[in-house]
Amino acid sequence: MENNFVFQEFSFSKLTKKTEELNEPQQKRSTCLKRRHNSTYRRAFGETQLLDITGFDFNDGDSYHIITGGDVDALSFLKVVLRQQDLDYLLFSTWCMASEDIYQFEDYLKSGKIKKIDAYVGEIFPGNYKLEYALLKRVIEEHGGRVAVFKNHSKIFAGYGDKFYFGIETSANINTNPRAENGCITIDKKLYEFYKLYFDGIKSYE
């Protein structure tokens, strides 16, 4: 069998770049951040249990890998962090979300639990969720944040408060469903900066 290989956009100059440059995320390209850390593994079958099993003693470099089933969505993972600290800044990325979750973010912003939020949603959101999109833009922009729309299916939280920086990666959108979902909470400034740099470079369709 004959194998045909096509190489595109290859340059030997890339091999001379410093490691730090190679680790910088680039929009529209796959990217990776290599880390070493301590990991903890847990299972949860409801939001209350999720809060119980993660504890209160997050330390820099710790990661919590969680598999869930039941009353758990992406916002449930964020609540684990908010139980330990208020946030000066948060970015989140989701394909879609429900109006009750947008109102929850509004409550966090009005109460000062979170000071500023940037939101990144999928390209289907403005058209298929018109009321929710309008609500999201009002809530986020009234508090100095931005809403960006692009070809997005990632589910990410990244932010910081007085105690620590963090990143949350999950399979769940910000809407509750009974399916099994996976998530990882990592306490790490470099991971926060990794996602912040990437999403700051997103150019919105809207």
C-alpha atoms as a PDB file:
ATOM      1  CA  MET A   1       0.000   0.000   0.000  1.00  0.00           C
ATOM      2  CA  GLU A   2       1.335   3.412  -0.943  1.00  0.00           C
ATOM      3  CA  ASN A   3       1.287   6.107   1.757  1.00  0.00           C
ATOM      4  CA  ASN A   4       1.080   9.740   0.730  1.00  0.00           C
ATOM      5  CA  PHE A   5       2.071  12.325   3.283  1.00  0.00           C
ATOM      6  CA  VAL A   6       1.459  16.037   2.950  1.00  0.00           C
ATOM      7  CA  PHE A   7       3.363  18.438   5.193  1.00  0.00           C
ATOM      8  CA  GLN A   8       2.075  21.975   5.535  1.00  0.00           C
ATOM      9  CA  GLU A   9       3.373  25.106   7.263  1.00  0.00           C
ATOM     10  CA  PHE A  10       6.633  23.484   8.404  1.00  0.00           C
ATOM     11  CA  SER A  11       9.583  25.714   9.166  1.00  0.00           C
ATOM     12  CA  PHE A  12      12.944  24.811  10.687  1.00  0.00           C
ATOM     13  CA  SER A  13      12.998  28.246  12.294  1.00  0.00           C
ATOM     14  CA  LYS A  14      10.306  27.010  14.680  1.00  0.00           C
ATOM     15  CA  LEU A  15      12.798  24.559  16.143  1.00  0.00           C
ATOM     16  CA  THR A  16      14.933  27.395  17.461  1.00  0.00           C
ATOM     17  CA  LYS A  17      12.178  29.053  19.468  1.00  0.00           C
ATOM     18  CA  LYS A  18      12.470  29.151  23.219  1.00  0.00           C
ATOM     19  CA  THR A  19      10.325  26.748  25.230  1.00  0.00           C
ATOM     20  CA  GLU A  20       8.345  29.659  26.687  1.00  0.00           C
ATOM     21  CA  GLU A  21       7.380  30.825  23.198  1.00  0.00           C
ATOM     22  CA  LEU A  22       6.268  27.361  22.144  1.00  0.00           C
ATOM     23  CA  ASN A  23       4.044  27.117  25.202  1.00  0.00           C
ATOM     24  CA  GLU A  24       2.153  30.297  24.342  1.00  0.00           C
ATOM     25  CA  PRO A  25      -1.332  29.416  23.043  1.00  0.00           C
ATOM     26  CA  GLN A  26      -2.173  30.509  19.514  1.00  0.00           C
ATOM     27  CA  GLN A  27      -5.696  31.151  18.300  1.00  0.00           C
ATOM     28  CA  LYS A  28      -7.017  28.738  15.652  1.00  0.00           C
ATOM     29  CA  ARG A  29      -4.255  26.225  16.434  1.00  0.00           C
ATOM     30  CA  SER A  30      -4.015  23.355  18.872  1.00  0.00           C
ATOM     31  CA  THR A  31      -1.827  24.191  21.835  1.00  0.00           C
ATOM     32  CA  CYS A  32      -0.528  22.536  24.972  1.00  0.00           C
ATOM     33  CA  LEU A  33       0.804  23.449  28.393  1.00  0.00           C
ATOM     34  CA  LYS A  34       3.058  20.848  30.066  1.00  0.00           C
ATOM     35  CA  ARG A  35       2.882  20.686  33.868  1.00  0.00           C
ATOM     36  CA  ARG A  36       3.792  18.519  36.840  1.00  0.00           C
ATOM     37  CA  HIS A  37       1.515  18.499  39.861  1.00  0.00           C
ATOM     38  CA  ASN A  38      -0.203  16.478  42.567  1.00  0.00           C
ATOM     39  CA  SER A  39      -3.485  14.840  41.571  1.00  0.00           C
ATOM     40  CA  THR A  40      -6.523  13.711  43.547  1.00  0.00           C
ATOM     41  CA  TYR A  41      -9.281  11.514  42.066  1.00  0.00           C
ATOM     42  CA  ARG A  42     -12.918  11.621  43.161  1.00  0.00           C
ATOM     43  CA  ARG A  43     -16.431  10.554  42.101  1.00  0.00           C
ATOM     44  CA  ALA A  44     -19.588  12.568  42.733  1.00  0.00           C
ATOM     45  CA  PHE A  45     -23.249  11.900  41.982  1.00  0.00           C
ATOM     46  CA  GLY A  46     -24.692  15.259  42.932  1.00  0.00           C
ATOM     47  CA  GLU A  47     -23.668  18.860  43.498  1.00  0.00           C
ATOM     48  CA  THR A  48     -23.724  18.558  47.287  1.00  0.00           C
ATOM     49  CA  GLN A  49     -21.472  15.521  47.178  1.00  0.00           C
ATOM     50  CA  LEU A  50     -19.144  17.318  44.764  1.00  0.00           C
ATOM     51  CA  LEU A  51     -18.717  20.140  47.276  1.00  0.00           C
ATOM     52  CA  ASP A  52     -18.085  17.646  50.078  1.00  0.00           C
ATOM     53  CA  ILE A  53     -15.441  15.510  48.373  1.00  0.00           C
ATOM     54  CA  THR A  54     -13.203  18.343  47.171  1.00  0.00           C
ATOM     55  CA  GLY A  55     -12.582  19.790  50.629  1.00  0.00           C
ATOM     56  CA  PHE A  56     -11.327  23.241  51.648  1.00  0.00           C
ATOM     57  CA  ASP A  57      -7.552  22.909  51.490  1.00  0.00           C
ATOM     58  CA  PHE A  58      -6.590  23.756  47.897  1.00  0.00           C
ATOM     59  CA  ASN A  59      -2.849  24.245  47.450  1.00  0.00           C
ATOM     60  CA  ASP A  60      -0.839  25.566  44.536  1.00  0.00           C
ATOM     61  CA  GLY A  61      -0.100  22.774  42.059  1.00  0.00           C
ATOM     62  CA  ASP A  62      -2.972  20.513  43.169  1.00  0.00           C
ATOM     63  CA  SER A  63      -5.382  19.006  40.630  1.00  0.00           C
ATOM     64  CA  TYR A  64      -8.714  17.363  41.410  1.00  0.00           C
ATOM     65  CA  HIS A  65      -9.921  14.923  38.730  1.00  0.00           C
ATOM     66  CA  ILE A  66     -13.631  14.210  39.095  1.00  0.00           C
ATOM     67  CA  ILE A  67     -16.203  12.005  37.348  1.00  0.00           C
ATOM     68  CA  THR A  68     -19.812  12.928  38.056  1.00  0.00           C
ATOM     69  CA  GLY A  69     -23.323  11.695  37.402  1.00  0.00           C
ATOM     70  CA  GLY A  70     -26.524  13.423  38.428  1.00  0.00           C
ATOM     71  CA  ASP A  71     -27.226  17.001  39.461  1.00  0.00           C
ATOM     72  CA  VAL A  72     -23.886  18.415  38.297  1.00  0.00           C
ATOM     73  CA  ASP A  73     -22.990  20.927  35.588  1.00  0.00           C
ATOM     74  CA  ALA A  74     -20.021  23.172  34.858  1.00  0.00           C
ATOM     75  CA  LEU A  75     -21.257  25.797  37.311  1.00  0.00           C
ATOM     76  CA  SER A  76     -21.091  23.179  40.063  1.00  0.00           C
ATOM     77  CA  PHE A  77     -17.309  23.023  39.644  1.00  0.00           C
ATOM     78  CA  LEU A  78     -17.071  26.806  39.919  1.00  0.00           C
ATOM     79  CA  LYS A  79     -19.022  26.716  43.192  1.00  0.00           C
ATOM     80  CA  VAL A  80     -16.249  24.564  44.665  1.00  0.00           C
ATOM     81  CA  VAL A  81     -13.820  27.449  44.107  1.00  0.00           C
ATOM     82  CA  LEU A  82     -16.245  30.162  45.236  1.00  0.00           C
ATOM     83  CA  ARG A  83     -16.732  28.333  48.500  1.00  0.00           C
ATOM     84  CA  GLN A  84     -13.076  29.064  49.270  1.00  0.00           C
ATOM     85  CA  GLN A  85     -12.604  32.581  47.876  1.00  0.00           C
ATOM     86  CA  ASP A  86     -14.258  35.494  46.099  1.00  0.00           C
ATOM     87  CA  LEU A  87     -12.904  36.207  42.629  1.00  0.00           C
ATOM     88  CA  ASP A  88     -11.346  39.351  41.246  1.00  0.00           C
ATOM     89  CA  TYR A  89     -11.684  37.944  37.723  1.00  0.00           C
ATOM     90  CA  LEU A  90     -13.268  34.987  35.938  1.00  0.00           C
ATOM     91  CA  LEU A  91     -13.451  33.882  32.322  1.00  0.00           C
ATOM     92  CA  PHE A  92     -15.703  31.065  31.227  1.00  0.00           C
ATOM     93  CA  SER A  93     -16.222  29.215  27.981  1.00  0.00           C
ATOM     94  CA  THR A  94     -19.291  27.147  27.118  1.00  0.00           C
ATOM     95  CA  TRP A  95     -21.182  26.040  24.028  1.00  0.00           C
ATOM     96  CA  CYS A  96     -24.522  27.095  25.491  1.00  0.00           C
ATOM     97  CA  MET A  97     -26.119  27.909  28.836  1.00  0.00           C
ATOM     98  CA  ALA A  98     -29.499  28.362  30.517  1.00  0.00           C
ATOM     99  CA  SER A  99     -31.052  31.628  31.688  1.00  0.00           C
ATOM    100  CA  GLU A 100     -31.118  30.584  35.361  1.00  0.00           C
ATOM    101  CA  ASP A 101     -27.345  30.178  35.256  1.00  0.00           C
ATOM    102  CA  ILE A 102     -26.937  33.645  33.747  1.00  0.00           C
ATOM    103  CA  TYR A 103     -28.996  35.052  36.608  1.00  0.00           C
ATOM    104  CA  GLN A 104     -26.679  33.197  38.992  1.00  0.00           C
ATOM    105  CA  PHE A 105     -23.713  35.020  37.452  1.00  0.00           C
ATOM    106  CA  GLU A 106     -25.625  38.298  37.836  1.00  0.00           C
ATOM    107  CA  ASP A 107     -26.100  37.575  41.533  1.00  0.00           C
ATOM    108  CA  TYR A 108     -22.374  36.868  41.903  1.00  0.00           C
ATOM    109  CA  LEU A 109     -21.491  40.146  40.174  1.00  0.00           C
ATOM    110  CA  LYS A 110     -23.963  42.276  42.088  1.00  0.00           C
ATOM    111  CA  SER A 111     -22.915  40.830  45.437  1.00  0.00           C
ATOM    112  CA  GLY A 112     -19.209  41.236  44.680  1.00  0.00           C
ATOM    113  CA  LYS A 113     -18.591  37.496  44.854  1.00  0.00           C
ATOM    114  CA  ILE A 114     -17.069  37.907  41.390  1.00  0.00           C
ATOM    115  CA  LYS A 115     -15.855  41.349  40.331  1.00  0.00           C
ATOM    116  CA  LYS A 116     -15.530  40.874  36.558  1.00  0.00           C
ATOM    117  CA  ILE A 117     -16.418  38.148  34.031  1.00  0.00           C
ATOM    118  CA  ASP A 118     -15.540  37.571  30.379  1.00  0.00           C
ATOM    119  CA  ALA A 119     -17.789  35.050  28.600  1.00  0.00           C
ATOM    120  CA  TYR A 120     -17.032  32.940  25.509  1.00  0.00           C
ATOM    121  CA  VAL A 121     -19.868  31.045  23.811  1.00  0.00           C
ATOM    122  CA  GLY A 122     -20.437  28.892  20.749  1.00  0.00           C
ATOM    123  CA  GLU A 123     -21.535  30.233  17.378  1.00  0.00           C
ATOM    124  CA  ILE A 124     -24.984  28.644  17.797  1.00  0.00           C
ATOM    125  CA  PHE A 125     -25.752  30.652  20.920  1.00  0.00           C
ATOM    126  CA  PRO A 126     -26.945  34.004  19.472  1.00  0.00           C
ATOM    127  CA  GLY A 127     -29.236  32.320  16.940  1.00  0.00           C
ATOM    128  CA  ASN A 128     -30.608  29.352  18.880  1.00  0.00           C
ATOM    129  CA  TYR A 129     -30.709  30.993  22.311  1.00  0.00           C
ATOM    130  CA  LYS A 130     -31.697  34.583  21.465  1.00  0.00           C
ATOM    131  CA  LEU A 131     -33.202  35.513  24.842  1.00  0.00           C
ATOM    132  CA  GLU A 132     -30.349  33.923  26.801  1.00  0.00           C
ATOM    133  CA  TYR A 133     -27.752  35.639  24.610  1.00  0.00           C
ATOM    134  CA  ALA A 134     -29.335  39.053  25.091  1.00  0.00           C
ATOM    135  CA  LEU A 135     -29.506  38.454  28.847  1.00  0.00           C
ATOM    136  CA  LEU A 136     -25.879  37.313  28.977  1.00  0.00           C
ATOM    137  CA  LYS A 137     -24.633  40.399  27.114  1.00  0.00           C
ATOM    138  CA  ARG A 138     -26.537  42.733  29.439  1.00  0.00           C
ATOM    139  CA  VAL A 139     -25.300  41.042  32.614  1.00  0.00           C
ATOM    140  CA  ILE A 140     -21.656  40.744  31.563  1.00  0.00           C
ATOM    141  CA  GLU A 141     -21.266  44.125  29.856  1.00  0.00           C
ATOM    142  CA  GLU A 142     -22.960  46.036  32.685  1.00  0.00           C
ATOM    143  CA  HIS A 143     -20.097  44.890  34.910  1.00  0.00           C
ATOM    144  CA  GLY A 144     -17.233  45.678  32.536  1.00  0.00           C
ATOM    145  CA  GLY A 145     -16.781  42.286  30.890  1.00  0.00           C
ATOM    146  CA  ARG A 146     -17.145  41.120  27.311  1.00  0.00           C
ATOM    147  CA  VAL A 147     -19.085  38.375  25.521  1.00  0.00           C
ATOM    148  CA  ALA A 148     -17.341  36.743  22.548  1.00  0.00           C
ATOM    149  CA  VAL A 149     -18.941  34.395  20.008  1.00  0.00           C
ATOM    150  CA  PHE A 150     -16.839  32.014  17.924  1.00  0.00           C
ATOM    151  CA  LYS A 151     -16.590  28.383  16.791  1.00  0.00           C
ATOM    152  CA  ASN A 152     -16.368  27.152  20.333  1.00  0.00           C
ATOM    153  CA  HIS A 153     -17.138  23.878  22.071  1.00  0.00           C
ATOM    154  CA  SER A 154     -14.704  24.193  24.998  1.00  0.00           C
ATOM    155  CA  LYS A 155     -15.856  24.212  28.615  1.00  0.00           C
ATOM    156  CA  ILE A 156     -13.406  26.202  30.691  1.00  0.00           C
ATOM    157  CA  PHE A 157     -13.271  28.393  33.775  1.00  0.00           C
ATOM    158  CA  ALA A 158     -10.141  30.322  34.704  1.00  0.00           C
ATOM    159  CA  GLY A 159      -9.724  33.029  37.299  1.00  0.00           C
ATOM    160  CA  TYR A 160      -8.182  34.221  40.522  1.00  0.00           C
ATOM    161  CA  GLY A 161      -8.893  35.669  43.936  1.00  0.00           C
ATOM    162  CA  ASP A 162      -6.870  36.576  46.999  1.00  0.00           C
ATOM    163  CA  LYS A 163      -5.888  32.965  47.757  1.00  0.00           C
ATOM    164  CA  PHE A 164      -5.089  31.278  44.447  1.00  0.00           C
ATOM    165  CA  TYR A 165      -5.292  31.162  40.650  1.00  0.00           C
ATOM    166  CA  PHE A 166      -7.120  28.255  39.050  1.00  0.00           C
ATOM    167  CA  GLY A 167      -8.339  26.576  35.889  1.00  0.00           C
ATOM    168  CA  ILE A 168     -11.355  24.272  35.534  1.00  0.00           C
ATOM    169  CA  GLU A 169     -11.740  21.935  32.557  1.00  0.00           C
ATOM    170  CA  THR A 170     -14.981  19.989  32.200  1.00  0.00           C
ATOM    171  CA  SER A 171     -17.051  18.122  29.641  1.00  0.00           C
ATOM    172  CA  ALA A 172     -20.222  19.782  30.952  1.00  0.00           C
ATOM    173  CA  ASN A 173     -21.876  22.869  29.523  1.00  0.00           C
ATOM    174  CA  ILE A 174     -23.407  25.389  31.918  1.00  0.00           C
ATOM    175  CA  ASN A 175     -26.732  23.573  32.027  1.00  0.00           C
ATOM    176  CA  THR A 176     -27.692  20.688  34.277  1.00  0.00           C
ATOM    177  CA  ASN A 177     -28.221  17.232  32.794  1.00  0.00           C
ATOM    178  CA  PRO A 178     -28.288  13.701  34.264  1.00  0.00           C
ATOM    179  CA  ARG A 179     -25.415  12.405  32.133  1.00  0.00           C
ATOM    180  CA  ALA A 180     -21.976  11.455  33.383  1.00  0.00           C
ATOM    181  CA  GLU A 181     -19.506  14.330  33.084  1.00  0.00           C
ATOM    182  CA  ASN A 182     -15.821  14.724  33.833  1.00  0.00           C
ATOM    183  CA  GLY A 183     -14.011  17.696  35.281  1.00  0.00           C
ATOM    184  CA  CYS A 184     -10.638  18.794  36.583  1.00  0.00           C
ATOM    185  CA  ILE A 185      -9.934  21.657  38.998  1.00  0.00           C
ATOM    186  CA  THR A 186      -6.301  22.781  38.967  1.00  0.00           C
ATOM    187  CA  ILE A 187      -4.770  25.340  41.303  1.00  0.00           C
ATOM    188  CA  ASP A 188      -2.087  26.950  39.174  1.00  0.00           C
ATOM    189  CA  LYS A 189      -1.266  30.465  37.955  1.00  0.00           C
ATOM    190  CA  LYS A 190       0.399  29.252  34.756  1.00  0.00           C
ATOM    191  CA  LEU A 191      -2.735  27.361  33.737  1.00  0.00           C
ATOM    192  CA  TYR A 192      -4.833  30.473  34.357  1.00  0.00           C
ATOM    193  CA  GLU A 193      -2.432  32.552  32.230  1.00  0.00           C
ATOM    194  CA  PHE A 194      -2.444  29.862  29.510  1.00  0.00           C
ATOM    195  CA  TYR A 195      -6.214  30.161  29.081  1.00  0.00           C
ATOM    196  CA  LYS A 196      -6.335  33.929  29.624  1.00  0.00           C
ATOM    197  CA  LEU A 197      -3.815  34.543  26.851  1.00  0.00           C
ATOM    198  CA  TYR A 198      -5.717  32.311  24.441  1.00  0.00           C
ATOM    199  CA  PHE A 199      -9.192  33.705  25.055  1.00  0.00           C
ATOM    200  CA  ASP A 200      -7.980  37.320  25.098  1.00  0.00           C
ATOM    201  CA  GLY A 201      -7.003  36.785  21.468  1.00  0.00           C
ATOM    202  CA  ILE A 202     -10.438  35.572  20.338  1.00  0.00           C
ATOM    203  CA  LYS A 203     -12.167  37.851  17.829  1.00  0.00           C
ATOM    204  CA  SER A 204     -15.912  37.645  18.258  1.00  0.00           C
ATOM    205  CA  TYR A 205     -18.353  37.088  15.380  1.00  0.00           C
ATOM    206  CA  GLU A 206     -20.715  39.589  16.999  1.00  0.00           C
END
